[in-house]
């Protein structure tokens, strides 16, 4: 793996920790579903990889070792794919509509006295996640129900 792939995995992990896991956002962003699936895969796939590979060896013997390794690597690759997608998405630039919405949200937070810088022209989804996390911690429920 190159250094860039490892950086993308790290950014994906940070994005997964930063994104607010609120059901209201699942209607607008796929991150809610991807983060839940990736978190579940991180916990379960190593166990499933061992079970699948071990069962191949148990049932068919050591002659099937290459197939058992392949199946185990497939199961282990699933959470890595989720983290790669999240890392790619975190670095992806925001569309203009989301940039405007994020700036409005930032202005609303600044009006409440929260130190929240506005999104710049080169803002990405990770910047938006930081603002959304602050907003969900400080804004009341009525604002989010109006979405």
N, C-alpha and C. Protein backbone atom coordinates (compact mmCIF):
# COMPACT_ATOMS: atom_id res chain seq x y z
N UNK A 1 0.85 -1.18 0.00
CA UNK A 1 0.00 0.00 0.00
C UNK A 1 0.89 1.24 0.00
N UNK A 2 0.43 2.22 -0.70
CA UNK A 2 1.20 3.46 -0.73
C UNK A 2 0.84 4.31 0.48
N UNK A 3 1.63 5.35 0.67
CA UNK A 3 1.41 6.25 1.79
C UNK A 3 0.08 6.98 1.63
N UNK A 4 -0.28 7.30 0.39
CA UNK A 4 -1.53 8.02 0.13
C UNK A 4 -2.75 7.19 0.55
N UNK A 5 -2.70 5.90 0.30
CA UNK A 5 -3.82 5.03 0.70
C UNK A 5 -3.93 4.98 2.22
N UNK A 6 -2.81 4.90 2.90
CA UNK A 6 -2.83 4.88 4.35
C UNK A 6 -3.34 6.21 4.91
N UNK A 7 -2.99 7.32 4.28
CA UNK A 7 -3.51 8.62 4.71
C UNK A 7 -5.01 8.69 4.49
N UNK A 8 -5.48 8.15 3.36
CA UNK A 8 -6.91 8.15 3.08
C UNK A 8 -7.66 7.31 4.12
N UNK A 9 -7.08 6.18 4.51
CA UNK A 9 -7.70 5.36 5.56
C UNK A 9 -7.78 6.13 6.88
N UNK A 10 -6.70 6.86 7.21
CA UNK A 10 -6.71 7.65 8.45
C UNK A 10 -7.72 8.78 8.41
N UNK A 11 -7.84 9.44 7.26
CA UNK A 11 -8.84 10.51 7.12
C UNK A 11 -10.24 9.92 7.20
N UNK A 12 -10.43 8.74 6.62
CA UNK A 12 -11.73 8.07 6.70
C UNK A 12 -12.10 7.72 8.13
N UNK A 13 -11.14 7.28 8.89
CA UNK A 13 -11.40 6.96 10.30
C UNK A 13 -11.75 8.22 11.09
N UNK A 14 -11.02 9.31 10.82
CA UNK A 14 -11.31 10.57 11.50
C UNK A 14 -12.68 11.11 11.10
N UNK A 15 -13.02 10.97 9.81
CA UNK A 15 -14.32 11.42 9.32
C UNK A 15 -15.44 10.60 9.97
N UNK A 16 -15.18 9.31 10.15
CA UNK A 16 -16.17 8.44 10.78
C UNK A 16 -16.41 8.85 12.22
N UNK A 17 -15.38 9.29 12.91
CA UNK A 17 -15.52 9.73 14.30
C UNK A 17 -16.15 11.12 14.40
N UNK A 18 -15.95 11.95 13.37
CA UNK A 18 -16.42 13.33 13.42
C UNK A 18 -17.88 13.46 13.00
N UNK A 19 -18.32 12.68 12.03
CA UNK A 19 -19.67 12.82 11.48
C UNK A 19 -20.72 12.58 12.56
N UNK A 20 -21.68 13.50 12.73
CA UNK A 20 -22.72 13.28 13.75
C UNK A 20 -23.68 12.17 13.31
N UNK A 21 -23.82 11.17 14.15
CA UNK A 21 -24.68 10.04 13.83
C UNK A 21 -26.11 10.35 14.25
N UNK A 22 -26.76 11.18 13.44
CA UNK A 22 -28.12 11.63 13.71
C UNK A 22 -28.99 11.18 12.54
N UNK A 23 -30.11 10.61 12.86
CA UNK A 23 -30.97 10.03 11.84
C UNK A 23 -31.51 11.06 10.85
N UNK A 24 -31.69 12.31 11.27
CA UNK A 24 -32.22 13.33 10.36
C UNK A 24 -31.30 13.54 9.16
N UNK A 25 -30.01 13.38 9.35
CA UNK A 25 -29.06 13.59 8.25
C UNK A 25 -29.03 12.43 7.27
N UNK A 26 -29.57 11.28 7.66
CA UNK A 26 -29.53 10.12 6.76
C UNK A 26 -30.39 10.31 5.52
N UNK A 27 -31.32 11.24 5.56
CA UNK A 27 -32.15 11.51 4.39
C UNK A 27 -31.39 12.31 3.33
N UNK A 28 -30.36 13.01 3.74
CA UNK A 28 -29.63 13.90 2.84
C UNK A 28 -28.23 13.41 2.50
N UNK A 29 -27.62 12.64 3.38
CA UNK A 29 -26.24 12.20 3.19
C UNK A 29 -26.16 10.68 3.36
N UNK A 30 -25.38 10.00 2.53
CA UNK A 30 -25.22 8.55 2.70
C UNK A 30 -24.27 8.17 3.82
N UNK A 31 -23.60 9.14 4.42
CA UNK A 31 -22.60 8.85 5.44
C UNK A 31 -23.16 8.06 6.62
N UNK A 32 -24.38 8.35 7.01
CA UNK A 32 -24.99 7.66 8.16
C UNK A 32 -24.98 6.15 7.93
N UNK A 33 -25.43 5.73 6.77
CA UNK A 33 -25.50 4.30 6.48
C UNK A 33 -24.11 3.70 6.29
N UNK A 34 -23.22 4.43 5.61
CA UNK A 34 -21.88 3.91 5.36
C UNK A 34 -21.11 3.79 6.67
N UNK A 35 -21.23 4.76 7.55
CA UNK A 35 -20.51 4.71 8.82
C UNK A 35 -21.03 3.58 9.69
N UNK A 36 -22.34 3.40 9.72
CA UNK A 36 -22.89 2.29 10.52
C UNK A 36 -22.42 0.94 9.98
N UNK A 37 -22.44 0.79 8.65
CA UNK A 37 -22.00 -0.47 8.04
C UNK A 37 -20.51 -0.69 8.25
N UNK A 38 -19.72 0.36 8.14
CA UNK A 38 -18.27 0.23 8.32
C UNK A 38 -17.94 -0.10 9.77
N UNK A 39 -18.60 0.55 10.71
CA UNK A 39 -18.35 0.26 12.13
C UNK A 39 -18.71 -1.19 12.46
N UNK A 40 -19.82 -1.67 11.90
CA UNK A 40 -20.21 -3.06 12.11
C UNK A 40 -19.19 -4.00 11.47
N UNK A 41 -18.73 -3.65 10.27
CA UNK A 41 -17.76 -4.49 9.57
C UNK A 41 -16.43 -4.53 10.30
N UNK A 42 -16.02 -3.42 10.90
CA UNK A 42 -14.75 -3.41 11.65
C UNK A 42 -14.82 -4.37 12.83
N UNK A 43 -15.99 -4.48 13.44
CA UNK A 43 -16.13 -5.39 14.59
C UNK A 43 -16.29 -6.85 14.16
N UNK A 44 -17.06 -7.11 13.10
CA UNK A 44 -17.44 -8.49 12.78
C UNK A 44 -16.60 -9.18 11.72
N UNK A 45 -16.05 -8.45 10.77
CA UNK A 45 -15.40 -9.11 9.64
C UNK A 45 -14.13 -9.89 10.00
N UNK A 46 -13.31 -9.46 10.96
CA UNK A 46 -12.18 -10.34 11.30
C UNK A 46 -12.63 -11.71 11.82
N UNK A 47 -13.69 -11.73 12.61
CA UNK A 47 -14.21 -13.00 13.10
C UNK A 47 -14.77 -13.84 11.95
N UNK A 48 -15.53 -13.20 11.07
CA UNK A 48 -16.07 -13.94 9.93
C UNK A 48 -14.97 -14.43 9.00
N UNK A 49 -13.90 -13.66 8.86
CA UNK A 49 -12.77 -14.09 8.03
C UNK A 49 -12.13 -15.36 8.61
N UNK A 50 -11.95 -15.37 9.93
CA UNK A 50 -11.40 -16.57 10.57
C UNK A 50 -12.32 -17.77 10.43
N UNK A 51 -13.62 -17.54 10.63
CA UNK A 51 -14.58 -18.65 10.50
C UNK A 51 -14.64 -19.18 9.07
N UNK A 52 -14.68 -18.29 8.10
CA UNK A 52 -14.77 -18.73 6.71
C UNK A 52 -13.51 -19.45 6.27
N UNK A 53 -12.35 -18.87 6.60
CA UNK A 53 -11.10 -19.53 6.23
C UNK A 53 -10.90 -20.84 6.96
N UNK A 54 -11.19 -20.83 8.25
CA UNK A 54 -11.05 -22.06 9.04
C UNK A 54 -11.99 -23.16 8.60
N UNK A 55 -13.21 -22.79 8.24
CA UNK A 55 -14.16 -23.81 7.79
C UNK A 55 -13.73 -24.41 6.45
N UNK A 56 -13.14 -23.60 5.58
CA UNK A 56 -12.62 -24.15 4.32
C UNK A 56 -11.53 -25.19 4.59
N UNK A 57 -10.63 -24.84 5.49
CA UNK A 57 -9.55 -25.78 5.80
C UNK A 57 -10.07 -27.02 6.52
N UNK A 58 -11.05 -26.85 7.39
CA UNK A 58 -11.61 -27.98 8.13
C UNK A 58 -12.35 -28.94 7.20
N UNK A 59 -13.16 -28.39 6.31
CA UNK A 59 -13.97 -29.24 5.44
C UNK A 59 -13.18 -29.87 4.30
N UNK A 60 -12.27 -29.11 3.69
CA UNK A 60 -11.62 -29.59 2.48
C UNK A 60 -10.14 -29.90 2.65
N UNK A 61 -9.56 -29.54 3.78
CA UNK A 61 -8.16 -29.87 4.02
C UNK A 61 -7.22 -28.76 3.57
N UNK A 62 -5.91 -29.05 3.76
CA UNK A 62 -4.89 -28.04 3.47
C UNK A 62 -4.72 -27.80 1.98
N UNK A 63 -5.27 -28.63 1.15
CA UNK A 63 -5.17 -28.41 -0.29
C UNK A 63 -5.94 -27.16 -0.71
N UNK A 64 -6.88 -26.73 0.10
CA UNK A 64 -7.70 -25.56 -0.21
C UNK A 64 -7.19 -24.30 0.50
N UNK A 65 -5.95 -24.30 0.92
CA UNK A 65 -5.37 -23.15 1.62
C UNK A 65 -5.44 -21.85 0.79
N UNK A 66 -5.12 -21.87 -0.51
CA UNK A 66 -5.23 -20.62 -1.27
C UNK A 66 -6.66 -20.05 -1.31
N UNK A 67 -7.65 -20.91 -1.45
CA UNK A 67 -9.04 -20.46 -1.45
C UNK A 67 -9.43 -19.92 -0.08
N UNK A 68 -8.96 -20.55 0.98
CA UNK A 68 -9.28 -20.09 2.34
C UNK A 68 -8.66 -18.73 2.59
N UNK A 69 -7.44 -18.52 2.14
CA UNK A 69 -6.79 -17.21 2.30
C UNK A 69 -7.53 -16.15 1.50
N UNK A 70 -7.95 -16.50 0.30
CA UNK A 70 -8.68 -15.55 -0.54
C UNK A 70 -10.00 -15.13 0.10
N UNK A 71 -10.72 -16.08 0.64
CA UNK A 71 -12.00 -15.77 1.29
C UNK A 71 -11.76 -14.91 2.53
N UNK A 72 -10.74 -15.22 3.31
CA UNK A 72 -10.43 -14.44 4.51
C UNK A 72 -10.04 -13.02 4.13
N UNK A 73 -9.24 -12.86 3.09
CA UNK A 73 -8.84 -11.52 2.65
C UNK A 73 -10.04 -10.72 2.13
N UNK A 74 -10.99 -11.40 1.50
CA UNK A 74 -12.19 -10.70 1.05
C UNK A 74 -12.96 -10.12 2.23
N UNK A 75 -13.16 -10.93 3.27
CA UNK A 75 -13.89 -10.44 4.43
C UNK A 75 -13.15 -9.31 5.14
N UNK A 76 -11.83 -9.41 5.20
CA UNK A 76 -11.05 -8.35 5.85
C UNK A 76 -11.07 -7.07 5.02
N UNK A 77 -11.22 -7.19 3.70
CA UNK A 77 -11.20 -5.99 2.84
C UNK A 77 -12.47 -5.16 2.94
N UNK A 78 -13.55 -5.72 3.42
CA UNK A 78 -14.81 -4.97 3.46
C UNK A 78 -14.76 -3.73 4.34
N UNK A 79 -14.28 -3.78 5.58
CA UNK A 79 -14.18 -2.53 6.35
C UNK A 79 -13.16 -1.56 5.76
N UNK A 80 -12.12 -2.09 5.13
CA UNK A 80 -11.13 -1.21 4.50
C UNK A 80 -11.77 -0.44 3.35
N UNK A 81 -12.65 -1.08 2.61
CA UNK A 81 -13.35 -0.40 1.52
C UNK A 81 -14.23 0.72 2.06
N UNK A 82 -14.89 0.48 3.18
CA UNK A 82 -15.72 1.52 3.79
C UNK A 82 -14.88 2.70 4.25
N UNK A 83 -13.73 2.43 4.86
CA UNK A 83 -12.86 3.52 5.31
C UNK A 83 -12.27 4.28 4.12
N UNK A 84 -11.95 3.56 3.05
CA UNK A 84 -11.44 4.25 1.86
C UNK A 84 -12.50 5.18 1.27
N UNK A 85 -13.75 4.71 1.21
CA UNK A 85 -14.81 5.57 0.68
C UNK A 85 -15.00 6.79 1.57
N UNK A 86 -15.00 6.58 2.87
CA UNK A 86 -15.17 7.70 3.80
C UNK A 86 -14.01 8.68 3.69
N UNK A 87 -12.79 8.18 3.52
CA UNK A 87 -11.64 9.06 3.35
C UNK A 87 -11.71 9.86 2.07
N UNK A 88 -12.16 9.20 1.00
CA UNK A 88 -12.33 9.90 -0.27
C UNK A 88 -13.41 10.97 -0.14
N UNK A 89 -14.49 10.62 0.49
CA UNK A 89 -15.60 11.55 0.65
C UNK A 89 -15.21 12.74 1.54
N UNK A 90 -14.43 12.48 2.57
CA UNK A 90 -14.03 13.55 3.50
C UNK A 90 -13.21 14.61 2.79
N UNK A 91 -12.40 14.21 1.83
CA UNK A 91 -11.55 15.16 1.12
C UNK A 91 -12.23 15.76 -0.10
N UNK A 92 -13.41 15.27 -0.44
CA UNK A 92 -14.14 15.73 -1.63
C UNK A 92 -14.68 17.14 -1.39
N UNK A 93 -14.54 18.05 -2.37
CA UNK A 93 -15.05 19.41 -2.16
C UNK A 93 -16.58 19.45 -2.11
N UNK A 94 -17.08 20.39 -1.34
CA UNK A 94 -18.53 20.55 -1.19
C UNK A 94 -19.15 21.17 -2.43
N UNK A 95 -20.35 20.74 -2.82
CA UNK A 95 -21.07 21.46 -3.87
C UNK A 95 -21.54 22.82 -3.36
N UNK A 96 -21.88 23.69 -4.26
CA UNK A 96 -22.23 25.06 -3.88
C UNK A 96 -23.45 25.13 -2.96
N UNK A 97 -24.43 24.27 -3.18
CA UNK A 97 -25.62 24.30 -2.33
C UNK A 97 -25.28 23.94 -0.88
N UNK A 98 -24.43 22.91 -0.70
CA UNK A 98 -24.03 22.54 0.66
C UNK A 98 -23.10 23.58 1.27
N UNK A 99 -22.29 24.22 0.44
CA UNK A 99 -21.42 25.27 0.93
C UNK A 99 -22.24 26.43 1.49
N UNK A 100 -23.30 26.80 0.77
CA UNK A 100 -24.18 27.88 1.23
C UNK A 100 -24.90 27.47 2.52
N UNK A 101 -25.40 26.24 2.57
CA UNK A 101 -26.11 25.77 3.76
C UNK A 101 -25.16 25.71 4.96
N UNK A 102 -23.92 25.25 4.73
CA UNK A 102 -22.94 25.20 5.81
C UNK A 102 -22.58 26.59 6.31
N UNK A 103 -22.48 27.56 5.40
CA UNK A 103 -22.19 28.93 5.82
C UNK A 103 -23.35 29.52 6.61
N UNK A 104 -24.59 29.22 6.22
CA UNK A 104 -25.75 29.67 6.99
C UNK A 104 -25.76 29.05 8.39
N UNK A 105 -25.44 27.79 8.46
CA UNK A 105 -25.37 27.10 9.75
C UNK A 105 -24.25 27.68 10.61
N UNK A 106 -23.13 27.98 9.98
CA UNK A 106 -22.01 28.59 10.70
C UNK A 106 -22.38 29.97 11.22
N UNK A 107 -23.09 30.75 10.40
CA UNK A 107 -23.53 32.08 10.84
C UNK A 107 -24.50 31.98 12.00
N UNK A 108 -25.38 30.98 11.96
CA UNK A 108 -26.33 30.79 13.06
C UNK A 108 -25.59 30.44 14.35
N UNK A 109 -24.56 29.59 14.25
CA UNK A 109 -23.77 29.24 15.42
C UNK A 109 -22.98 30.44 15.94
N UNK A 110 -22.44 31.26 15.03
CA UNK A 110 -21.72 32.45 15.45
C UNK A 110 -22.64 33.44 16.14
N UNK A 111 -23.89 33.52 15.69
CA UNK A 111 -24.88 34.37 16.33
C UNK A 111 -25.19 33.93 17.75
N UNK A 112 -25.00 32.63 18.03
CA UNK A 112 -25.21 32.11 19.38
C UNK A 112 -23.97 32.27 20.25
N UNK A 113 -22.89 32.75 19.66
CA UNK A 113 -21.66 32.95 20.43
C UNK A 113 -20.69 31.80 20.36
N UNK A 114 -20.89 30.88 19.44
CA UNK A 114 -19.99 29.73 19.28
C UNK A 114 -18.91 30.10 18.27
N UNK A 115 -17.67 29.81 18.59
CA UNK A 115 -16.56 30.10 17.69
C UNK A 115 -16.56 29.08 16.56
N UNK A 116 -17.17 29.46 15.44
CA UNK A 116 -17.31 28.57 14.31
C UNK A 116 -16.93 29.34 13.04
N UNK A 117 -15.80 29.05 12.44
CA UNK A 117 -15.41 29.80 11.24
C UNK A 117 -16.28 29.41 10.05
N UNK A 118 -16.56 30.34 9.15
CA UNK A 118 -17.35 30.00 7.96
C UNK A 118 -16.55 29.11 7.03
N UNK A 119 -17.25 28.37 6.21
CA UNK A 119 -16.60 27.50 5.24
C UNK A 119 -16.00 28.34 4.13
N UNK A 120 -14.80 28.01 3.74
CA UNK A 120 -14.15 28.74 2.66
C UNK A 120 -14.49 28.14 1.31
N UNK A 121 -13.90 28.67 0.28
CA UNK A 121 -14.17 28.21 -1.08
C UNK A 121 -13.64 26.79 -1.30
N UNK A 122 -12.62 26.39 -0.56
CA UNK A 122 -12.05 25.05 -0.74
C UNK A 122 -12.51 24.10 0.37
N UNK A 123 -13.71 24.30 0.89
CA UNK A 123 -14.21 23.46 1.98
C UNK A 123 -14.52 22.06 1.46
N UNK A 124 -14.34 21.09 2.35
CA UNK A 124 -14.62 19.71 2.00
C UNK A 124 -15.66 19.15 3.00
N UNK A 125 -16.03 17.90 2.78
CA UNK A 125 -17.05 17.28 3.62
C UNK A 125 -16.59 17.14 5.07
N UNK A 126 -15.29 17.00 5.31
CA UNK A 126 -14.80 16.92 6.68
C UNK A 126 -15.05 18.24 7.41
N UNK A 127 -14.86 19.36 6.73
CA UNK A 127 -15.16 20.66 7.33
C UNK A 127 -16.65 20.77 7.66
N UNK A 128 -17.48 20.28 6.75
CA UNK A 128 -18.92 20.29 6.97
C UNK A 128 -19.30 19.40 8.17
N UNK A 129 -18.61 18.27 8.32
CA UNK A 129 -18.89 17.38 9.44
C UNK A 129 -18.58 18.04 10.78
N UNK A 130 -17.51 18.82 10.82
CA UNK A 130 -17.15 19.52 12.06
C UNK A 130 -18.25 20.52 12.43
N UNK A 131 -18.74 21.27 11.44
CA UNK A 131 -19.79 22.26 11.70
C UNK A 131 -21.09 21.57 12.09
N UNK A 132 -21.42 20.47 11.42
CA UNK A 132 -22.65 19.74 11.76
C UNK A 132 -22.57 19.16 13.17
N UNK A 133 -21.41 18.68 13.56
CA UNK A 133 -21.28 18.13 14.91
C UNK A 133 -21.47 19.23 15.95
N UNK A 134 -20.88 20.41 15.71
CA UNK A 134 -21.07 21.52 16.64
C UNK A 134 -22.54 21.95 16.67
N UNK A 135 -23.17 21.96 15.50
CA UNK A 135 -24.56 22.40 15.42
C UNK A 135 -25.48 21.43 16.17
N UNK A 136 -25.26 20.13 16.02
CA UNK A 136 -26.11 19.16 16.71
C UNK A 136 -25.90 19.19 18.21
N UNK A 137 -24.73 19.61 18.65
CA UNK A 137 -24.50 19.71 20.08
C UNK A 137 -25.13 20.95 20.68
N UNK A 138 -25.31 22.02 19.88
CA UNK A 138 -25.71 23.30 20.46
C UNK A 138 -27.09 23.80 20.02
N UNK A 139 -27.55 23.43 18.84
CA UNK A 139 -28.87 23.91 18.40
C UNK A 139 -29.98 23.04 18.97
N UNK A 140 -31.16 23.62 19.11
CA UNK A 140 -32.27 22.87 19.68
C UNK A 140 -32.89 21.92 18.65
N UNK A 141 -33.71 21.03 19.12
CA UNK A 141 -34.31 20.00 18.29
C UNK A 141 -35.28 20.57 17.25
N UNK A 142 -35.89 21.71 17.53
CA UNK A 142 -36.87 22.29 16.61
C UNK A 142 -36.22 22.69 15.29
N UNK A 143 -34.98 23.13 15.34
CA UNK A 143 -34.28 23.49 14.10
C UNK A 143 -34.11 22.27 13.20
N UNK A 144 -33.78 21.12 13.78
CA UNK A 144 -33.53 19.94 12.97
C UNK A 144 -34.82 19.26 12.54
N UNK A 145 -35.89 19.45 13.28
CA UNK A 145 -37.18 18.88 12.86
C UNK A 145 -37.73 19.65 11.67
N UNK A 146 -37.33 20.92 11.52
CA UNK A 146 -37.80 21.71 10.38
C UNK A 146 -37.15 21.30 9.08
N UNK A 147 -36.05 20.56 9.15
CA UNK A 147 -35.40 20.08 7.91
C UNK A 147 -36.32 19.17 7.22
